[in-house]
Amino acid sequence: MARIRSLVSVLCSLIPLVGATGIHARVRSQQSTNAGVTGEIMAIDNAAKTLTVKGANQDGGTYVTNSYTTIMNGDKNISLGDLKKGWHVAVISDQENGKNVAQYITVVDTGN
């Protein structure tokens, strides 16, 4: 009987701990997936802040840029407006709310 009381006491002390972990859990509304593509710039829309890239394996797509997007040409940090159609770039992006959001863009070849 003493064992049962001890077991019940231990179980009762664990119940608040199990319940407390559920209180602090946060549900993610959108899973972010990281992807990368290297390809040719097909279009740039400065007003919409987007870049369309066609990859070598028919991958790529349209990428949204924002204030967190880093764009590099060699060791120089550049802006979306500095990119040119026909240049080859590597893009690392995340999928957020159904859009490809570019995190990092680097110029691979300018064709010069």
Protein backbone atom coordinates (compact mmCIF):
# COMPACT_ATOMS: atom_id res chain seq x y z
CA MET A 1 0.00 0.00 0.00
CA ALA A 2 2.87 2.35 0.77
CA ARG A 3 4.28 1.68 -2.70
CA ILE A 4 1.02 2.61 -4.34
CA ARG A 5 0.84 5.86 -2.37
CA SER A 6 4.42 6.67 -3.37
CA LEU A 7 3.66 5.93 -7.01
CA VAL A 8 0.48 8.02 -6.94
CA SER A 9 2.37 10.85 -5.26
CA VAL A 10 5.10 10.79 -7.94
CA LEU A 11 2.55 10.66 -10.75
CA CYS A 12 0.58 13.54 -9.26
CA SER A 13 3.74 15.64 -9.02
CA LEU A 14 4.54 14.94 -12.71
CA ILE A 15 1.13 15.97 -14.04
CA PRO A 16 1.74 19.74 -13.59
CA LEU A 17 5.11 19.41 -15.31
CA VAL A 18 3.59 17.67 -18.33
CA GLY A 19 0.81 20.25 -18.50
CA ALA A 20 3.26 23.16 -18.15
CA THR A 21 5.30 22.08 -21.16
CA GLY A 22 2.19 22.24 -23.31
CA ILE A 23 1.44 25.78 -22.16
CA HIS A 24 4.74 27.13 -23.48
CA ALA A 25 4.70 25.26 -26.79
CA ARG A 26 4.32 27.47 -29.84
CA VAL A 27 2.78 26.25 -33.07
CA ARG A 28 4.53 27.36 -36.25
CA SER A 29 2.06 28.63 -38.80
CA GLN A 30 4.37 28.23 -41.80
CA GLN A 31 7.36 25.93 -42.13
CA SER A 32 10.31 27.65 -43.79
CA THR A 33 12.35 25.61 -46.25
CA ASN A 34 15.77 26.65 -47.47
CA ALA A 35 16.57 26.16 -51.18
CA GLY A 36 19.25 27.22 -53.62
CA VAL A 37 19.50 27.72 -57.38
CA THR A 38 22.14 28.95 -59.79
CA GLY A 39 21.03 30.39 -63.10
CA GLU A 40 20.52 33.28 -65.47
CA ILE A 41 18.58 36.42 -64.54
CA MET A 42 15.59 36.53 -66.88
CA ALA A 43 13.82 39.57 -65.38
CA ILE A 44 14.20 42.17 -62.64
CA ASP A 45 11.27 44.17 -61.28
CA ASN A 46 12.62 46.94 -59.04
CA ALA A 47 9.12 48.20 -58.14
CA ALA A 48 7.98 44.77 -56.93
CA LYS A 49 11.49 43.95 -55.63
CA THR A 50 11.56 40.63 -57.49
CA LEU A 51 14.14 38.73 -59.49
CA THR A 52 13.33 35.91 -61.94
CA VAL A 53 16.05 33.28 -62.40
CA LYS A 54 16.10 30.34 -64.83
CA GLY A 55 18.27 27.49 -63.58
CA ALA A 56 20.24 25.05 -65.70
CA ASN A 57 17.87 22.19 -64.84
CA GLN A 58 14.69 24.19 -65.53
CA ASP A 59 14.56 25.09 -61.85
CA GLY A 60 14.52 28.60 -60.46
CA GLY A 61 11.59 30.98 -60.40
CA THR A 62 10.71 34.40 -59.10
CA TYR A 63 12.31 35.53 -55.87
CA VAL A 64 11.12 38.36 -53.64
CA THR A 65 13.81 40.52 -52.04
CA ASN A 66 13.47 42.55 -48.86
CA SER A 67 15.61 44.56 -46.47
CA TYR A 68 17.17 41.33 -45.15
CA THR A 69 18.32 40.11 -48.59
CA THR A 70 22.09 40.30 -49.08
CA ILE A 71 23.23 40.82 -52.68
CA MET A 72 26.93 40.45 -53.45
CA ASN A 73 29.10 40.94 -56.53
CA GLY A 74 32.52 39.64 -55.56
CA ASP A 75 33.33 41.28 -52.25
CA LYS A 76 31.01 44.25 -52.85
CA ASN A 77 27.52 44.53 -51.37
CA ILE A 78 25.18 45.75 -54.15
CA SER A 79 21.47 46.45 -54.57
CA LEU A 80 18.79 44.81 -56.70
CA GLY A 81 19.04 47.73 -59.14
CA ASP A 82 22.72 46.92 -59.79
CA LEU A 83 21.87 43.46 -61.17
CA LYS A 84 21.47 43.03 -64.94
CA LYS A 85 19.37 40.72 -67.09
CA GLY A 86 21.60 37.94 -68.48
CA TRP A 87 23.94 37.79 -65.49
CA HIS A 88 24.30 34.46 -63.73
CA VAL A 89 23.58 34.40 -60.01
CA ALA A 90 23.30 31.96 -57.15
CA VAL A 91 20.22 32.46 -54.97
CA ILE A 92 19.57 31.01 -51.52
CA SER A 93 15.94 31.42 -50.51
CA ASP A 94 13.31 30.43 -48.00
CA GLN A 95 9.69 29.56 -48.71
CA GLU A 96 7.52 31.96 -46.70
CA ASN A 97 3.76 32.24 -47.07
CA GLY A 98 3.89 30.63 -50.51
CA LYS A 99 6.62 32.96 -51.85
CA ASN A 100 10.31 32.39 -52.53
CA VAL A 101 12.07 35.00 -50.41
CA ALA A 102 15.73 35.52 -51.37
CA GLN A 103 18.04 35.53 -48.36
CA TYR A 104 21.34 35.71 -50.28
CA ILE A 105 22.11 36.49 -53.94
CA THR A 106 25.63 36.39 -55.31
CA VAL A 107 26.75 37.22 -58.83
CA VAL A 108 28.50 34.22 -60.42
CA ASP A 109 29.17 35.64 -63.90
CA THR A 110 28.45 38.98 -65.57
CA GLY A 111 29.31 37.75 -69.06
CA ASN A 112 32.29 40.11 -69.40
